[in-house]
Amino acid sequence: TVALAAASEHWVSTAASAVATLALISFTGVYNQVSRPVNTALTAAALAGRVPDDARELQARWDSVINARVALQTIALAALSVSLAAA
């Protein structure tokens, strides 16, 4: 999206697409660092038919980044909407 917008000289779309790309890359980083290990631990426990001993800590860790994840997704959605509207 960024390359296409830049090639067609739609600079507002280019900037908005770049912001969306950065937000989604940041989201992926937060997910991989915090949320994915929590998901892995909870999935393993569920498949084993047990509750993890550190379930409260896992939930607290998940909760510690949920606002950041929502904000990054919201920024990406808004930026892509601007990019589409400006095209």
PDB file of N, CA and C in Angstrom:
ATOM      1  N   THR A   1       0.827  -1.186   0.000  1.00  0.00           N
ATOM      2  CA  THR A   1       0.000   0.000   0.000  1.00  0.00           C
ATOM      3  C   THR A   1       0.868   1.244   0.000  1.00  0.00           C
ATOM      4  N   VAL A   2       1.917   1.245   0.812  1.00  0.00           N
ATOM      5  CA  VAL A   2       2.806   2.408   0.877  1.00  0.00           C
ATOM      6  C   VAL A   2       3.464   2.635  -0.476  1.00  0.00           C
ATOM      7  N   ALA A   3       3.987   1.571  -1.073  1.00  0.00           N
ATOM      8  CA  ALA A   3       4.688   1.703  -2.351  1.00  0.00           C
ATOM      9  C   ALA A   3       3.748   2.161  -3.459  1.00  0.00           C
ATOM     10  N   LEU A   4       2.551   1.605  -3.496  1.00  0.00           N
ATOM     11  CA  LEU A   4       1.593   2.012  -4.527  1.00  0.00           C
ATOM     12  C   LEU A   4       1.181   3.468  -4.369  1.00  0.00           C
ATOM     13  N   ALA A   5       0.936   3.883  -3.149  1.00  0.00           N
ATOM     14  CA  ALA A   5       0.545   5.272  -2.908  1.00  0.00           C
ATOM     15  C   ALA A   5       1.677   6.221  -3.271  1.00  0.00           C
ATOM     16  N   ALA A   6       2.901   5.853  -2.934  1.00  0.00           N
ATOM     17  CA  ALA A   6       4.049   6.701  -3.262  1.00  0.00           C
ATOM     18  C   ALA A   6       4.261   6.762  -4.768  1.00  0.00           C
ATOM     19  N   ALA A   7       4.116   5.631  -5.436  1.00  0.00           N
ATOM     20  CA  ALA A   7       4.316   5.594  -6.886  1.00  0.00           C
ATOM     21  C   ALA A   7       3.300   6.464  -7.613  1.00  0.00           C
ATOM     22  N   SER A   8       2.104   6.559  -7.072  1.00  0.00           N
ATOM     23  CA  SER A   8       1.071   7.374  -7.709  1.00  0.00           C
ATOM     24  C   SER A   8       1.043   8.799  -7.158  1.00  0.00           C
ATOM     25  N   GLU A   9       2.003   9.126  -6.320  1.00  0.00           N
ATOM     26  CA  GLU A   9       2.161  10.466  -5.734  1.00  0.00           C
ATOM     27  C   GLU A   9       0.955  10.915  -4.909  1.00  0.00           C
ATOM     28  N   HIS A  10       0.327   9.989  -4.245  1.00  0.00           N
ATOM     29  CA  HIS A  10      -0.716  10.315  -3.272  1.00  0.00           C
ATOM     30  C   HIS A  10      -0.032  10.380  -1.904  1.00  0.00           C
ATOM     31  N   TRP A  11       0.454  11.555  -1.545  1.00  0.00           N
ATOM     32  CA  TRP A  11       1.320  11.675  -0.370  1.00  0.00           C
ATOM     33  C   TRP A  11       0.566  11.482   0.938  1.00  0.00           C
ATOM     34  N   VAL A  12      -0.683  11.889   1.014  1.00  0.00           N
ATOM     35  CA  VAL A  12      -1.463  11.667   2.238  1.00  0.00           C
ATOM     36  C   VAL A  12      -1.676  10.165   2.430  1.00  0.00           C
ATOM     37  N   SER A  13      -2.018   9.483   1.353  1.00  0.00           N
ATOM     38  CA  SER A  13      -2.190   8.028   1.429  1.00  0.00           C
ATOM     39  C   SER A  13      -0.882   7.341   1.782  1.00  0.00           C
ATOM     40  N   THR A  14       0.215   7.847   1.235  1.00  0.00           N
ATOM     41  CA  THR A  14       1.526   7.272   1.535  1.00  0.00           C
ATOM     42  C   THR A  14       1.844   7.395   3.021  1.00  0.00           C
ATOM     43  N   ALA A  15       1.644   8.592   3.571  1.00  0.00           N
ATOM     44  CA  ALA A  15       1.937   8.812   4.992  1.00  0.00           C
ATOM     45  C   ALA A  15       1.018   7.971   5.877  1.00  0.00           C
ATOM     46  N   ALA A  16      -0.261   7.944   5.540  1.00  0.00           N
ATOM     47  CA  ALA A  16      -1.210   7.169   6.347  1.00  0.00           C
ATOM     48  C   ALA A  16      -0.894   5.675   6.281  1.00  0.00           C
ATOM     49  N   SER A  17      -0.530   5.199   5.111  1.00  0.00           N
ATOM     50  CA  SER A  17      -0.173   3.784   4.976  1.00  0.00           C
ATOM     51  C   SER A  17       1.086   3.453   5.757  1.00  0.00           C
ATOM     52  N   ALA A  18       2.033   4.378   5.766  1.00  0.00           N
ATOM     53  CA  ALA A  18       3.261   4.167   6.537  1.00  0.00           C
ATOM     54  C   ALA A  18       2.954   4.105   8.032  1.00  0.00           C
ATOM     55  N   VAL A  19       2.077   4.983   8.502  1.00  0.00           N
ATOM     56  CA  VAL A  19       1.677   4.962   9.914  1.00  0.00           C
ATOM     57  C   VAL A  19       0.999   3.634  10.243  1.00  0.00           C
ATOM     58  N   ALA A  20       0.116   3.178   9.368  1.00  0.00           N
ATOM     59  CA  ALA A  20      -0.566   1.898   9.599  1.00  0.00           C
ATOM     60  C   ALA A  20       0.432   0.753   9.643  1.00  0.00           C
ATOM     61  N   THR A  21       1.391   0.773   8.734  1.00  0.00           N
ATOM     62  CA  THR A  21       2.407  -0.281   8.700  1.00  0.00           C
ATOM     63  C   THR A  21       3.218  -0.295   9.989  1.00  0.00           C
ATOM     64  N   LEU A  22       3.644   0.868  10.446  1.00  0.00           N
ATOM     65  CA  LEU A  22       4.414   0.945  11.696  1.00  0.00           C
ATOM     66  C   LEU A  22       3.582   0.485  12.893  1.00  0.00           C
ATOM     67  N   ALA A  23       2.313   0.855  12.917  1.00  0.00           N
ATOM     68  CA  ALA A  23       1.446   0.428  14.021  1.00  0.00           C
ATOM     69  C   ALA A  23       1.294  -1.089  14.036  1.00  0.00           C
ATOM     70  N   LEU A  24       1.137  -1.689  12.863  1.00  0.00           N
ATOM     71  CA  LEU A  24       0.968  -3.145  12.806  1.00  0.00           C
ATOM     72  C   LEU A  24       2.266  -3.884  13.120  1.00  0.00           C
ATOM     73  N   ILE A  25       3.393  -3.317  12.722  1.00  0.00           N
ATOM     74  CA  ILE A  25       4.683  -3.918  13.088  1.00  0.00           C
ATOM     75  C   ILE A  25       4.874  -3.846  14.598  1.00  0.00           C
ATOM     76  N   SER A  26       4.520  -2.710  15.194  1.00  0.00           N
ATOM     77  CA  SER A  26       4.614  -2.569  16.651  1.00  0.00           C
ATOM     78  C   SER A  26       3.680  -3.545  17.351  1.00  0.00           C
ATOM     79  N   PHE A  27       2.466  -3.682  16.831  1.00  0.00           N
ATOM     80  CA  PHE A  27       1.506  -4.632  17.387  1.00  0.00           C
ATOM     81  C   PHE A  27       2.085  -6.045  17.369  1.00  0.00           C
ATOM     82  N   THR A  28       2.682  -6.413  16.252  1.00  0.00           N
ATOM     83  CA  THR A  28       3.270  -7.748  16.130  1.00  0.00           C
ATOM     84  C   THR A  28       4.389  -7.946  17.143  1.00  0.00           C
ATOM     85  N   GLY A  29       5.195  -6.914  17.356  1.00  0.00           N
ATOM     86  CA  GLY A  29       6.260  -7.000  18.357  1.00  0.00           C
ATOM     87  C   GLY A  29       5.719  -7.203  19.756  1.00  0.00           C
ATOM     88  N   VAL A  30       4.700  -6.430  20.125  1.00  0.00           N
ATOM     89  CA  VAL A  30       4.086  -6.577  21.449  1.00  0.00           C
ATOM     90  C   VAL A  30       3.470  -7.966  21.585  1.00  0.00           C
ATOM     91  N   TYR A  31       2.789  -8.407  20.548  1.00  0.00           N
ATOM     92  CA  TYR A  31       2.166  -9.732  20.584  1.00  0.00           C
ATOM     93  C   TYR A  31       3.224 -10.818  20.774  1.00  0.00           C
ATOM     94  N   ASN A  32       4.285 -10.765  19.986  1.00  0.00           N
ATOM     95  CA  ASN A  32       5.316 -11.806  20.062  1.00  0.00           C
ATOM     96  C   ASN A  32       6.057 -11.805  21.396  1.00  0.00           C
ATOM     97  N   GLN A  33       6.257 -10.641  21.991  1.00  0.00           N
ATOM     98  CA  GLN A  33       6.999 -10.550  23.242  1.00  0.00           C
ATOM     99  C   GLN A  33       6.163 -10.929  24.458  1.00  0.00           C
ATOM    100  N   VAL A  34       4.883 -10.613  24.441  1.00  0.00           N
ATOM    101  CA  VAL A  34       4.065 -10.796  25.645  1.00  0.00           C
ATOM    102  C   VAL A  34       2.913 -11.776  25.422  1.00  0.00           C
ATOM    103  N   SER A  35       2.098 -11.511  24.441  1.00  0.00           N
ATOM    104  CA  SER A  35       0.858 -12.275  24.293  1.00  0.00           C
ATOM    105  C   SER A  35       1.073 -13.700  23.801  1.00  0.00           C
ATOM    106  N   ARG A  36       1.972 -13.902  22.877  1.00  0.00           N
ATOM    107  CA  ARG A  36       2.173 -15.255  22.347  1.00  0.00           C
ATOM    108  C   ARG A  36       2.658 -16.227  23.411  1.00  0.00           C
ATOM    109  N   PRO A  37       3.627 -15.861  24.268  1.00  0.00           N
ATOM    110  CA  PRO A  37       4.008 -16.800  25.328  1.00  0.00           C
ATOM    111  C   PRO A  37       2.846 -17.137  26.275  1.00  0.00           C
ATOM    112  N   VAL A  38       1.997 -16.153  26.550  1.00  0.00           N
ATOM    113  CA  VAL A  38       0.828 -16.407  27.397  1.00  0.00           C
ATOM    114  C   VAL A  38      -0.118 -17.370  26.685  1.00  0.00           C
ATOM    115  N   ASN A  39      -0.373 -17.128  25.402  1.00  0.00           N
ATOM    116  CA  ASN A  39      -1.234 -18.029  24.631  1.00  0.00           C
ATOM    117  C   ASN A  39      -0.672 -19.441  24.612  1.00  0.00           C
ATOM    118  N   THR A  40       0.624 -19.562  24.422  1.00  0.00           N
ATOM    119  CA  THR A  40       1.267 -20.877  24.374  1.00  0.00           C
ATOM    120  C   THR A  40       1.092 -21.617  25.693  1.00  0.00           C
ATOM    121  N   ALA A  41       1.314 -20.919  26.800  1.00  0.00           N
ATOM    122  CA  ALA A  41       1.178 -21.541  28.121  1.00  0.00           C
ATOM    123  C   ALA A  41      -0.263 -21.961  28.393  1.00  0.00           C
ATOM    124  N   LEU A  42      -1.208 -21.099  28.059  1.00  0.00           N
ATOM    125  CA  LEU A  42      -2.612 -21.425  28.309  1.00  0.00           C
ATOM    126  C   LEU A  42      -3.104 -22.543  27.393  1.00  0.00           C
ATOM    127  N   THR A  43      -2.651 -22.556  26.155  1.00  0.00           N
ATOM    128  CA  THR A  43      -3.036 -23.626  25.233  1.00  0.00           C
ATOM    129  C   THR A  43      -2.488 -24.967  25.697  1.00  0.00           C
ATOM    130  N   ALA A  44      -1.229 -24.977  26.118  1.00  0.00           N
ATOM    131  CA  ALA A  44      -0.626 -26.224  26.612  1.00  0.00           C
ATOM    132  C   ALA A  44      -1.380 -26.741  27.833  1.00  0.00           C
ATOM    133  N   ALA A  45      -1.744 -25.847  28.732  1.00  0.00           N
ATOM    134  CA  ALA A  45      -2.489 -26.253  29.924  1.00  0.00           C
ATOM    135  C   ALA A  45      -3.868 -26.792  29.543  1.00  0.00           C
ATOM    136  N   ALA A  46      -4.534 -26.128  28.607  1.00  0.00           N
ATOM    137  CA  ALA A  46      -5.863 -26.584  28.187  1.00  0.00           C
ATOM    138  C   ALA A  46      -5.795 -27.958  27.529  1.00  0.00           C
ATOM    139  N   LEU A  47      -4.789 -28.167  26.699  1.00  0.00           N
ATOM    140  CA  LEU A  47      -4.641 -29.470  26.044  1.00  0.00           C
ATOM    141  C   LEU A  47      -4.317 -30.573  27.041  1.00  0.00           C
ATOM    142  N   ALA A  48      -3.647 -30.198  28.135  1.00  0.00           N
ATOM    143  CA  ALA A  48      -3.320 -31.172  29.178  1.00  0.00           C
ATOM    144  C   ALA A  48      -4.472 -31.350  30.160  1.00  0.00           C
ATOM    145  N   GLY A  49      -5.522 -30.545  30.011  1.00  0.00           N
ATOM    146  CA  GLY A  49      -6.682 -30.661  30.885  1.00  0.00           C
ATOM    147  C   GLY A  49      -6.435 -30.149  32.287  1.00  0.00           C
ATOM    148  N   ARG A  50      -5.638 -29.117  32.409  1.00  0.00           N
ATOM    149  CA  ARG A  50      -5.351 -28.576  33.736  1.00  0.00           C
ATOM    150  C   ARG A  50      -5.376 -27.054  33.701  1.00  0.00           C
ATOM    151  N   VAL A  51      -5.398 -26.472  34.878  1.00  0.00           N
ATOM    152  CA  VAL A  51      -5.293 -25.025  35.019  1.00  0.00           C
ATOM    153  C   VAL A  51      -3.849 -24.716  35.380  1.00  0.00           C
ATOM    154  N   PRO A  52      -3.210 -23.785  34.688  1.00  0.00           N
ATOM    155  CA  PRO A  52      -1.816 -23.487  35.022  1.00  0.00           C
ATOM    156  C   PRO A  52      -1.694 -22.933  36.440  1.00  0.00           C
ATOM    157  N   ASP A  53      -0.602 -23.306  37.098  1.00  0.00           N
ATOM    158  CA  ASP A  53      -0.372 -22.823  38.467  1.00  0.00           C
ATOM    159  C   ASP A  53      -0.242 -21.305  38.519  1.00  0.00           C
ATOM    160  N   ASP A  54       0.272 -20.731  37.449  1.00  0.00           N
ATOM    161  CA  ASP A  54       0.487 -19.284  37.413  1.00  0.00           C
ATOM    162  C   ASP A  54      -0.575 -18.572  36.568  1.00  0.00           C
ATOM    163  N   ALA A  55      -1.805 -19.060  36.618  1.00  0.00           N
ATOM    164  CA  ALA A  55      -2.880 -18.511  35.787  1.00  0.00           C
ATOM    165  C   ALA A  55      -3.102 -17.027  36.055  1.00  0.00           C
ATOM    166  N   ARG A  56      -3.041 -16.632  37.316  1.00  0.00           N
ATOM    167  CA  ARG A  56      -3.246 -15.212  37.638  1.00  0.00           C
ATOM    168  C   ARG A  56      -2.116 -14.344  37.086  1.00  0.00           C
ATOM    169  N   GLU A  57      -0.901 -14.842  37.150  1.00  0.00           N
ATOM    170  CA  GLU A  57       0.230 -14.092  36.605  1.00  0.00           C
ATOM    171  C   GLU A  57       0.129 -13.996  35.080  1.00  0.00           C
ATOM    172  N   LEU A  58      -0.294 -15.096  34.454  1.00  0.00           N
ATOM    173  CA  LEU A  58      -0.473 -15.070  33.002  1.00  0.00           C
ATOM    174  C   LEU A  58      -1.547 -14.055  32.610  1.00  0.00           C
ATOM    175  N   GLN A  59      -2.647 -14.044  33.354  1.00  0.00           N
ATOM    176  CA  GLN A  59      -3.711 -13.086  33.065  1.00  0.00           C
ATOM    177  C   GLN A  59      -3.229 -11.655  33.283  1.00  0.00           C
ATOM    178  N   ALA A  60      -2.467 -11.427  34.332  1.00  0.00           N
ATOM    179  CA  ALA A  60      -1.937 -10.085  34.594  1.00  0.00           C
ATOM    180  C   ALA A  60      -0.995  -9.647  33.478  1.00  0.00           C
ATOM    181  N   ARG A  61      -0.196 -10.585  32.987  1.00  0.00           N
ATOM    182  CA  ARG A  61       0.728 -10.255  31.895  1.00  0.00           C
ATOM    183  C   ARG A  61      -0.056  -9.918  30.631  1.00  0.00           C
ATOM    184  N   TRP A  62      -1.091 -10.699  30.347  1.00  0.00           N
ATOM    185  CA  TRP A  62      -1.941 -10.429  29.187  1.00  0.00           C
ATOM    186  C   TRP A  62      -2.580  -9.048  29.318  1.00  0.00           C
ATOM    187  N   ASP A  63      -3.135  -8.774  30.508  1.00  0.00           N
ATOM    188  CA  ASP A  63      -3.808  -7.500  30.752  1.00  0.00           C
ATOM    189  C   ASP A  63      -2.860  -6.313  30.664  1.00  0.00           C
ATOM    190  N   SER A  64      -1.580  -6.532  30.932  1.00  0.00           N
ATOM    191  CA  SER A  64      -0.623  -5.422  30.942  1.00  0.00           C
ATOM    192  C   SER A  64      -0.403  -4.813  29.564  1.00  0.00           C
ATOM    193  N   VAL A  65      -0.720  -5.535  28.508  1.00  0.00           N
ATOM    194  CA  VAL A  65      -0.492  -5.009  27.159  1.00  0.00           C
ATOM    195  C   VAL A  65      -1.768  -4.863  26.338  1.00  0.00           C
ATOM    196  N   ILE A  66      -2.905  -5.195  26.903  1.00  0.00           N
ATOM    197  CA  ILE A  66      -4.128  -5.167  26.102  1.00  0.00           C
ATOM    198  C   ILE A  66      -4.448  -3.756  25.618  1.00  0.00           C
ATOM    199  N   ASN A  67      -4.239  -2.741  26.450  1.00  0.00           N
ATOM    200  CA  ASN A  67      -4.523  -1.368  26.021  1.00  0.00           C
ATOM    201  C   ASN A  67      -3.602  -0.943  24.884  1.00  0.00           C
ATOM    202  N   ALA A  68      -2.338  -1.320  24.967  1.00  0.00           N
ATOM    203  CA  ALA A  68      -1.396  -0.995  23.892  1.00  0.00           C
ATOM    204  C   ALA A  68      -1.802  -1.697  22.602  1.00  0.00           C
ATOM    205  N   ARG A  69      -2.199  -2.954  22.703  1.00  0.00           N
ATOM    206  CA  ARG A  69      -2.604  -3.701  21.509  1.00  0.00           C
ATOM    207  C   ARG A  69      -3.845  -3.086  20.870  1.00  0.00           C
ATOM    208  N   VAL A  70      -4.807  -2.704  21.688  1.00  0.00           N
ATOM    209  CA  VAL A  70      -6.022  -2.072  21.160  1.00  0.00           C
ATOM    210  C   VAL A  70      -5.682  -0.729  20.513  1.00  0.00           C
ATOM    211  N   ALA A  71      -4.840   0.053  21.164  1.00  0.00           N
ATOM    212  CA  ALA A  71      -4.457   1.357  20.618  1.00  0.00           C
ATOM    213  C   ALA A  71      -3.748   1.205  19.275  1.00  0.00           C
ATOM    214  N   LEU A  72      -2.834   0.257  19.184  1.00  0.00           N
ATOM    215  CA  LEU A  72      -2.109   0.056  17.929  1.00  0.00           C
ATOM    216  C   LEU A  72      -3.042  -0.405  16.813  1.00  0.00           C
ATOM    217  N   GLN A  73      -3.982  -1.281  17.128  1.00  0.00           N
ATOM    218  CA  GLN A  73      -4.949  -1.716  16.114  1.00  0.00           C
ATOM    219  C   GLN A  73      -5.849  -0.555  15.689  1.00  0.00           C
ATOM    220  N   THR A  74      -6.231   0.287  16.641  1.00  0.00           N
ATOM    221  CA  THR A  74      -7.076   1.441  16.331  1.00  0.00           C
ATOM    222  C   THR A  74      -6.335   2.429  15.442  1.00  0.00           C
ATOM    223  N   ILE A  75      -5.069   2.682  15.761  1.00  0.00           N
ATOM    224  CA  ILE A  75      -4.252   3.573  14.933  1.00  0.00           C
ATOM    225  C   ILE A  75      -4.141   3.024  13.517  1.00  0.00           C
ATOM    226  N   ALA A  76      -3.882   1.731  13.397  1.00  0.00           N
ATOM    227  CA  ALA A  76      -3.759   1.119  12.072  1.00  0.00           C
ATOM    228  C   ALA A  76      -5.066   1.247  11.289  1.00  0.00           C
ATOM    229  N   LEU A  77      -6.186   0.968  11.934  1.00  0.00           N
ATOM    230  CA  LEU A  77      -7.481   1.061  11.262  1.00  0.00           C
ATOM    231  C   LEU A  77      -7.767   2.497  10.819  1.00  0.00           C
ATOM    232  N   ALA A  78      -7.518   3.451  11.705  1.00  0.00           N
ATOM    233  CA  ALA A  78      -7.751   4.854  11.361  1.00  0.00           C
ATOM    234  C   ALA A  78      -6.842   5.294  10.215  1.00  0.00           C
ATOM    235  N   ALA A  79      -5.583   4.904  10.268  1.00  0.00           N
ATOM    236  CA  ALA A  79      -4.640   5.292   9.219  1.00  0.00           C
ATOM    237  C   ALA A  79      -5.026   4.676   7.878  1.00  0.00           C
ATOM    238  N   LEU A  80      -5.446   3.424   7.889  1.00  0.00           N
ATOM    239  CA  LEU A  80      -5.873   2.799   6.635  1.00  0.00           C
ATOM    240  C   LEU A  80      -7.153   3.442   6.102  1.00  0.00           C
ATOM    241  N   SER A  81      -8.025   3.870   6.995  1.00  0.00           N
ATOM    242  CA  SER A  81      -9.238   4.575   6.570  1.00  0.00           C
ATOM    243  C   SER A  81      -8.889   5.906   5.916  1.00  0.00           C
ATOM    244  N   VAL A  82      -7.946   6.629   6.507  1.00  0.00           N
ATOM    245  CA  VAL A  82      -7.482   7.891   5.921  1.00  0.00           C
ATOM    246  C   VAL A  82      -6.838   7.632   4.568  1.00  0.00           C
ATOM    247  N   SER A  83      -6.026   6.603   4.497  1.00  0.00           N
ATOM    248  CA  SER A  83      -5.362   6.262   3.243  1.00  0.00           C
ATOM    249  C   SER A  83      -6.379   5.972   2.141  1.00  0.00           C
ATOM    250  N   LEU A  84      -7.402   5.229   2.477  1.00  0.00           N
ATOM    251  CA  LEU A  84      -8.440   4.896   1.502  1.00  0.00           C
ATOM    252  C   LEU A  84      -9.234   6.138   1.095  1.00  0.00           C
ATOM    253  N   ALA A  85      -9.585   6.963   2.072  1.00  0.00           N
ATOM    254  CA  ALA A  85     -10.372   8.160   1.786  1.00  0.00           C
ATOM    255  C   ALA A  85      -9.591   9.167   0.945  1.00  0.00           C
ATOM    256  N   ALA A  86      -8.285   9.231   1.147  1.00  0.00           N
ATOM    257  CA  ALA A  86      -7.465  10.208   0.434  1.00  0.00           C
ATOM    258  C   ALA A  86      -7.068   9.741  -0.964  1.00  0.00           C
ATOM    259  N   ALA A  87      -7.252   8.470  -1.239  1.00  0.00           N
ATOM    260  CA  ALA A  87      -6.811   7.930  -2.544  1.00  0.00           C
ATOM    261  C   ALA A  87      -7.708   8.385  -3.676  1.00  0.00           C
TER     262      ALA A  87
END
